[in-house]
């Protein structure tokens, strides 16, 4: 059974703005996001589009983009939380994108490959580190 992830407005704000800020940190940060960087951008863009014309929310979003501090993220969370309560379709859409980001990040971590070649099994744990090859 898959673990259930509760995606609150705060968690979504953190994914949208903190993770995107990490991606601006260079290649290492981009690799840590894996294939999720486009999804993070899409999530952030959806949030920005939803609050277009709301000066206070736009200011909070701009602050979170420049410096995703806990205080800045909390400001965005307040707007996001209210909007998610009022617009179920928006809430569902951004929760789905956030869940996809989490799934990509979870699957792009350490991997174990097992291939059967005749009677020998090759185990490669934590690719790039000390790999052990051998039979049973």
C-alpha atoms as a PDB file:
ATOM      1  CA  UNK A   1       0.000   0.000   0.000  1.00  0.00           C
ATOM      2  CA  UNK A   2       1.330   3.441  -0.955  1.00  0.00           C
ATOM      3  CA  UNK A   3       1.843   5.940   1.867  1.00  0.00           C
ATOM      4  CA  UNK A   4      -0.652   8.776   1.802  1.00  0.00           C
ATOM      5  CA  UNK A   5       0.884  12.209   1.400  1.00  0.00           C
ATOM      6  CA  UNK A   6      -1.145  15.099   2.759  1.00  0.00           C
ATOM      7  CA  UNK A   7      -0.435  18.121   0.643  1.00  0.00           C
ATOM      8  CA  UNK A   8      -1.252  21.244   2.580  1.00  0.00           C
ATOM      9  CA  UNK A   9      -0.965  24.762   1.228  1.00  0.00           C
ATOM     10  CA  UNK A  10       2.285  25.115   3.199  1.00  0.00           C
ATOM     11  CA  UNK A  11       3.790  21.983   1.684  1.00  0.00           C
ATOM     12  CA  UNK A  12       2.788  23.089  -1.810  1.00  0.00           C
ATOM     13  CA  UNK A  13       4.236  26.593  -1.291  1.00  0.00           C
ATOM     14  CA  UNK A  14       7.482  25.043  -0.085  1.00  0.00           C
ATOM     15  CA  UNK A  15       7.679  22.763  -3.125  1.00  0.00           C
ATOM     16  CA  UNK A  16       6.832  25.572  -5.552  1.00  0.00           C
ATOM     17  CA  UNK A  17       9.182  28.209  -4.214  1.00  0.00           C
ATOM     18  CA  UNK A  18      11.894  26.590  -2.099  1.00  0.00           C
ATOM     19  CA  UNK A  19      12.585  23.799  -4.589  1.00  0.00           C
ATOM     20  CA  UNK A  20      12.614  26.281  -7.466  1.00  0.00           C
ATOM     21  CA  UNK A  21      15.131  28.430  -5.591  1.00  0.00           C
ATOM     22  CA  UNK A  22      17.330  25.347  -5.179  1.00  0.00           C
ATOM     23  CA  UNK A  23      17.219  24.828  -8.937  1.00  0.00           C
ATOM     24  CA  UNK A  24      18.708  28.296  -9.363  1.00  0.00           C
ATOM     25  CA  UNK A  25      21.646  27.116  -7.265  1.00  0.00           C
ATOM     26  CA  UNK A  26      23.443  25.431 -10.140  1.00  0.00           C
ATOM     27  CA  UNK A  27      23.762  22.032 -11.735  1.00  0.00           C
ATOM     28  CA  UNK A  28      23.998  20.082  -8.481  1.00  0.00           C
ATOM     29  CA  UNK A  29      20.694  21.555  -7.299  1.00  0.00           C
ATOM     30  CA  UNK A  30      19.077  20.842 -10.661  1.00  0.00           C
ATOM     31  CA  UNK A  31      20.209  17.224 -10.460  1.00  0.00           C
ATOM     32  CA  UNK A  32      18.699  16.903  -6.986  1.00  0.00           C
ATOM     33  CA  UNK A  33      15.352  17.926  -8.455  1.00  0.00           C
ATOM     34  CA  UNK A  34      15.767  15.338 -11.178  1.00  0.00           C
ATOM     35  CA  UNK A  35      13.108  15.492 -13.865  1.00  0.00           C
ATOM     36  CA  UNK A  36      10.849  17.475 -11.567  1.00  0.00           C
ATOM     37  CA  UNK A  37      12.215  20.911 -12.449  1.00  0.00           C
ATOM     38  CA  UNK A  38       9.660  21.459 -15.213  1.00  0.00           C
ATOM     39  CA  UNK A  39       6.878  20.355 -12.888  1.00  0.00           C
ATOM     40  CA  UNK A  40       8.096  22.739 -10.176  1.00  0.00           C
ATOM     41  CA  UNK A  41       8.047  25.572 -12.713  1.00  0.00           C
ATOM     42  CA  UNK A  42       4.543  24.580 -13.840  1.00  0.00           C
ATOM     43  CA  UNK A  43       3.338  24.540 -10.228  1.00  0.00           C
ATOM     44  CA  UNK A  44       4.820  27.949  -9.543  1.00  0.00           C
ATOM     45  CA  UNK A  45       3.333  29.343 -12.762  1.00  0.00           C
ATOM     46  CA  UNK A  46      -0.149  28.024 -11.844  1.00  0.00           C
ATOM     47  CA  UNK A  47       0.058  29.695  -8.451  1.00  0.00           C
ATOM     48  CA  UNK A  48       1.232  32.978  -9.976  1.00  0.00           C
ATOM     49  CA  UNK A  49      -1.539  32.904 -12.581  1.00  0.00           C
ATOM     50  CA  UNK A  50      -4.182  32.272  -9.911  1.00  0.00           C
ATOM     51  CA  UNK A  51      -3.171  35.372  -7.966  1.00  0.00           C
ATOM     52  CA  UNK A  52      -2.612  37.684 -10.930  1.00  0.00           C
ATOM     53  CA  UNK A  53      -4.213  41.015 -10.078  1.00  0.00           C
ATOM     54  CA  UNK A  54      -4.086  40.460  -6.306  1.00  0.00           C
ATOM     55  CA  UNK A  55      -1.358  42.929  -5.370  1.00  0.00           C
ATOM     56  CA  UNK A  56      -0.758  41.597  -1.873  1.00  0.00           C
ATOM     57  CA  UNK A  57      -0.542  37.986  -3.027  1.00  0.00           C
ATOM     58  CA  UNK A  58       1.728  38.942  -5.934  1.00  0.00           C
ATOM     59  CA  UNK A  59       4.029  40.760  -3.487  1.00  0.00           C
ATOM     60  CA  UNK A  60       4.125  37.703  -1.211  1.00  0.00           C
ATOM     61  CA  UNK A  61       4.897  35.442  -4.184  1.00  0.00           C
ATOM     62  CA  UNK A  62       7.676  37.744  -5.427  1.00  0.00           C
ATOM     63  CA  UNK A  63       9.195  37.760  -1.932  1.00  0.00           C
ATOM     64  CA  UNK A  64       9.054  33.955  -1.746  1.00  0.00           C
ATOM     65  CA  UNK A  65      10.675  33.641  -5.165  1.00  0.00           C
ATOM     66  CA  UNK A  66      13.572  35.905  -4.240  1.00  0.00           C
ATOM     67  CA  UNK A  67      14.127  34.598  -0.713  1.00  0.00           C
ATOM     68  CA  UNK A  68      12.075  31.522   0.269  1.00  0.00           C
ATOM     69  CA  UNK A  69      12.386  32.091   4.016  1.00  0.00           C
ATOM     70  CA  UNK A  70       9.851  30.543   6.393  1.00  0.00           C
ATOM     71  CA  UNK A  71       8.242  33.982   6.839  1.00  0.00           C
ATOM     72  CA  UNK A  72       7.931  34.538   3.074  1.00  0.00           C
ATOM     73  CA  UNK A  73       6.546  31.022   2.532  1.00  0.00           C
ATOM     74  CA  UNK A  74       4.018  31.550   5.337  1.00  0.00           C
ATOM     75  CA  UNK A  75       2.662  34.655   3.578  1.00  0.00           C
ATOM     76  CA  UNK A  76       2.150  32.690   0.359  1.00  0.00           C
ATOM     77  CA  UNK A  77       0.660  29.802   2.336  1.00  0.00           C
ATOM     78  CA  UNK A  78      -2.077  32.050   3.757  1.00  0.00           C
ATOM     79  CA  UNK A  79      -3.216  33.137   0.286  1.00  0.00           C
ATOM     80  CA  UNK A  80      -2.852  29.654  -1.119  1.00  0.00           C
ATOM     81  CA  UNK A  81      -4.765  28.042   1.737  1.00  0.00           C
ATOM     82  CA  UNK A  82      -7.737  30.377   1.299  1.00  0.00           C
ATOM     83  CA  UNK A  83      -7.800  29.919  -2.469  1.00  0.00           C
ATOM     84  CA  UNK A  84      -7.592  26.132  -2.159  1.00  0.00           C
ATOM     85  CA  UNK A  85     -10.639  26.192   0.130  1.00  0.00           C
ATOM     86  CA  UNK A  86     -12.621  28.375  -2.278  1.00  0.00           C
ATOM     87  CA  UNK A  87     -11.603  26.724  -5.562  1.00  0.00           C
ATOM     88  CA  UNK A  88     -11.604  22.911  -5.401  1.00  0.00           C
ATOM     89  CA  UNK A  89     -10.533  22.507  -9.029  1.00  0.00           C
ATOM     90  CA  UNK A  90      -7.462  24.687  -8.448  1.00  0.00           C
ATOM     91  CA  UNK A  91      -6.684  22.800  -5.217  1.00  0.00           C
ATOM     92  CA  UNK A  92      -6.931  19.440  -6.974  1.00  0.00           C
ATOM     93  CA  UNK A  93      -4.777  20.597  -9.872  1.00  0.00           C
ATOM     94  CA  UNK A  94      -1.916  21.946  -7.776  1.00  0.00           C
ATOM     95  CA  UNK A  95      -2.048  18.964  -5.411  1.00  0.00           C
ATOM     96  CA  UNK A  96      -1.675  16.634  -8.397  1.00  0.00           C
ATOM     97  CA  UNK A  97       1.327  18.567  -9.718  1.00  0.00           C
ATOM     98  CA  UNK A  98       2.930  18.639  -6.259  1.00  0.00           C
ATOM     99  CA  UNK A  99       2.387  14.887  -5.889  1.00  0.00           C
ATOM    100  CA  UNK A 100       4.010  14.290  -9.287  1.00  0.00           C
ATOM    101  CA  UNK A 101       7.038  16.310  -8.116  1.00  0.00           C
ATOM    102  CA  UNK A 102       7.273  14.229  -4.949  1.00  0.00           C
ATOM    103  CA  UNK A 103       6.987  11.010  -6.973  1.00  0.00           C
ATOM    104  CA  UNK A 104       9.740  12.069  -9.393  1.00  0.00           C
ATOM    105  CA  UNK A 105      12.034  13.040  -6.535  1.00  0.00           C
ATOM    106  CA  UNK A 106      11.373   9.756  -4.732  1.00  0.00           C
ATOM    107  CA  UNK A 107      12.135   7.657  -7.809  1.00  0.00           C
ATOM    108  CA  UNK A 108      15.243   9.575  -8.859  1.00  0.00           C
ATOM    109  CA  UNK A 109      17.164   8.725  -5.662  1.00  0.00           C
ATOM    110  CA  UNK A 110      19.242   5.619  -4.992  1.00  0.00           C
ATOM    111  CA  UNK A 111      18.416   2.690  -7.193  1.00  0.00           C
ATOM    112  CA  UNK A 112      19.220  -0.968  -7.050  1.00  0.00           C
ATOM    113  CA  UNK A 113      19.512  -2.882 -10.284  1.00  0.00           C
ATOM    114  CA  UNK A 114      19.275  -6.647 -10.377  1.00  0.00           C
ATOM    115  CA  UNK A 115      19.820  -8.418 -13.658  1.00  0.00           C
ATOM    116  CA  UNK A 116      19.835 -12.145 -14.077  1.00  0.00           C
ATOM    117  CA  UNK A 117      22.415 -13.464 -16.510  1.00  0.00           C
ATOM    118  CA  UNK A 118      22.251 -17.237 -16.494  1.00  0.00           C
ATOM    119  CA  UNK A 119      22.889 -18.346 -12.929  1.00  0.00           C
ATOM    120  CA  UNK A 120      24.761 -15.157 -11.965  1.00  0.00           C
ATOM    121  CA  UNK A 121      22.993 -12.154 -10.465  1.00  0.00           C
ATOM    122  CA  UNK A 122      24.593  -8.761 -10.772  1.00  0.00           C
ATOM    123  CA  UNK A 123      23.790  -6.362  -7.945  1.00  0.00           C
ATOM    124  CA  UNK A 124      24.554  -2.708  -8.338  1.00  0.00           C
ATOM    125  CA  UNK A 125      23.757  -0.745  -5.197  1.00  0.00           C
ATOM    126  CA  UNK A 126      24.022   3.036  -5.066  1.00  0.00           C
ATOM    127  CA  UNK A 127      25.328   3.463  -8.592  1.00  0.00           C
ATOM    128  CA  UNK A 128      28.638   5.308  -8.700  1.00  0.00           C
ATOM    129  CA  UNK A 129      29.882   4.010  -5.355  1.00  0.00           C
ATOM    130  CA  UNK A 130      31.614   0.743  -4.561  1.00  0.00           C
ATOM    131  CA  UNK A 131      29.722  -1.658  -6.779  1.00  0.00           C
ATOM    132  CA  UNK A 132      29.798  -5.398  -6.141  1.00  0.00           C
ATOM    133  CA  UNK A 133      29.302  -7.880  -8.936  1.00  0.00           C
ATOM    134  CA  UNK A 134      28.920 -11.535  -8.312  1.00  0.00           C
ATOM    135  CA  UNK A 135      26.864 -14.672  -8.390  1.00  0.00           C
ATOM    136  CA  UNK A 136      24.692 -16.192  -5.755  1.00  0.00           C
END
